[in-house]
Amino acid sequence: MAQKVITVNVNVYEQSVTNRHSAYEIPFVNKYLDEGWVIKETIHSQTVSNWMNITFILEK
């Protein structure tokens, strides 16, 4: 089985103060999912103040 690891950083507080909920679409992950890769695991952690680091482990 082949694996890929993709790490993205998302600014979780970029929206206005009155709207603290957002949905993000990550083009890099979508590209691999369209090619038949599946998400085996996700790891997330907060980096600096407003940023969230998300690591996707993909498998095919």
Protein backbone atom coordinates (compact mmCIF):
# COMPACT_ATOMS: atom_id res chain seq x y z
CA MET A 1 0.00 0.00 0.00
CA ALA A 2 1.21 3.48 -0.84
CA GLN A 3 0.94 6.36 1.60
CA LYS A 4 1.09 10.15 1.36
CA VAL A 5 1.28 12.70 4.14
CA ILE A 6 -0.20 16.17 3.59
CA THR A 7 0.01 18.94 6.17
CA VAL A 8 -2.08 22.11 5.91
CA ASN A 9 -2.38 25.18 8.12
CA VAL A 10 -5.75 26.88 8.51
CA ASN A 11 -6.40 30.28 10.08
CA VAL A 12 -9.32 29.43 12.35
CA TYR A 13 -10.19 33.01 13.37
CA GLU A 14 -10.05 34.81 10.04
CA GLN A 15 -13.85 35.26 9.94
CA SER A 16 -15.59 38.19 11.62
CA VAL A 17 -16.16 38.22 15.38
CA THR A 18 -19.89 37.57 14.99
CA ASN A 19 -19.33 34.45 12.86
CA ARG A 20 -17.00 31.98 14.57
CA HIS A 21 -18.05 28.98 12.42
CA SER A 22 -16.63 28.21 9.02
CA ALA A 23 -16.18 25.30 6.68
CA TYR A 24 -13.00 24.94 4.68
CA GLU A 25 -12.41 22.89 1.58
CA ILE A 26 -8.80 21.84 1.08
CA PRO A 27 -8.02 21.46 -2.64
CA PHE A 28 -4.89 19.32 -2.11
CA VAL A 29 -6.83 16.74 -0.11
CA ASN A 30 -9.76 16.78 -2.56
CA LYS A 31 -7.35 16.16 -5.46
CA TYR A 32 -6.01 13.00 -3.85
CA LEU A 33 -9.46 11.78 -2.80
CA ASP A 34 -10.59 12.17 -6.41
CA GLU A 35 -7.60 10.03 -7.45
CA GLY A 36 -8.73 7.19 -5.17
CA TRP A 37 -6.68 7.89 -2.05
CA VAL A 38 -8.46 7.46 1.29
CA ILE A 39 -7.82 9.25 4.58
CA LYS A 40 -6.31 6.73 6.99
CA GLU A 41 -5.71 9.17 9.83
CA THR A 42 -5.84 12.88 10.68
CA ILE A 43 -3.71 14.61 13.27
CA HIS A 44 -4.46 18.16 14.33
CA SER A 45 -2.86 20.62 16.68
CA GLN A 46 -2.95 24.33 17.29
CA THR A 47 0.26 26.05 16.27
CA VAL A 48 0.37 29.77 17.00
CA SER A 49 -2.70 31.59 18.33
CA ASN A 50 -5.10 31.54 15.34
CA TRP A 51 -3.61 28.73 13.28
CA MET A 52 -4.55 25.04 13.23
CA ASN A 53 -2.20 22.47 11.75
CA ILE A 54 -3.93 19.43 10.19
CA THR A 55 -1.97 16.44 8.92
CA PHE A 56 -3.71 13.92 6.66
CA ILE A 57 -2.25 10.45 6.23
CA LEU A 58 -3.57 9.09 2.94
CA GLU A 59 -3.48 5.52 1.69
CA LYS A 60 -4.08 3.88 -1.66
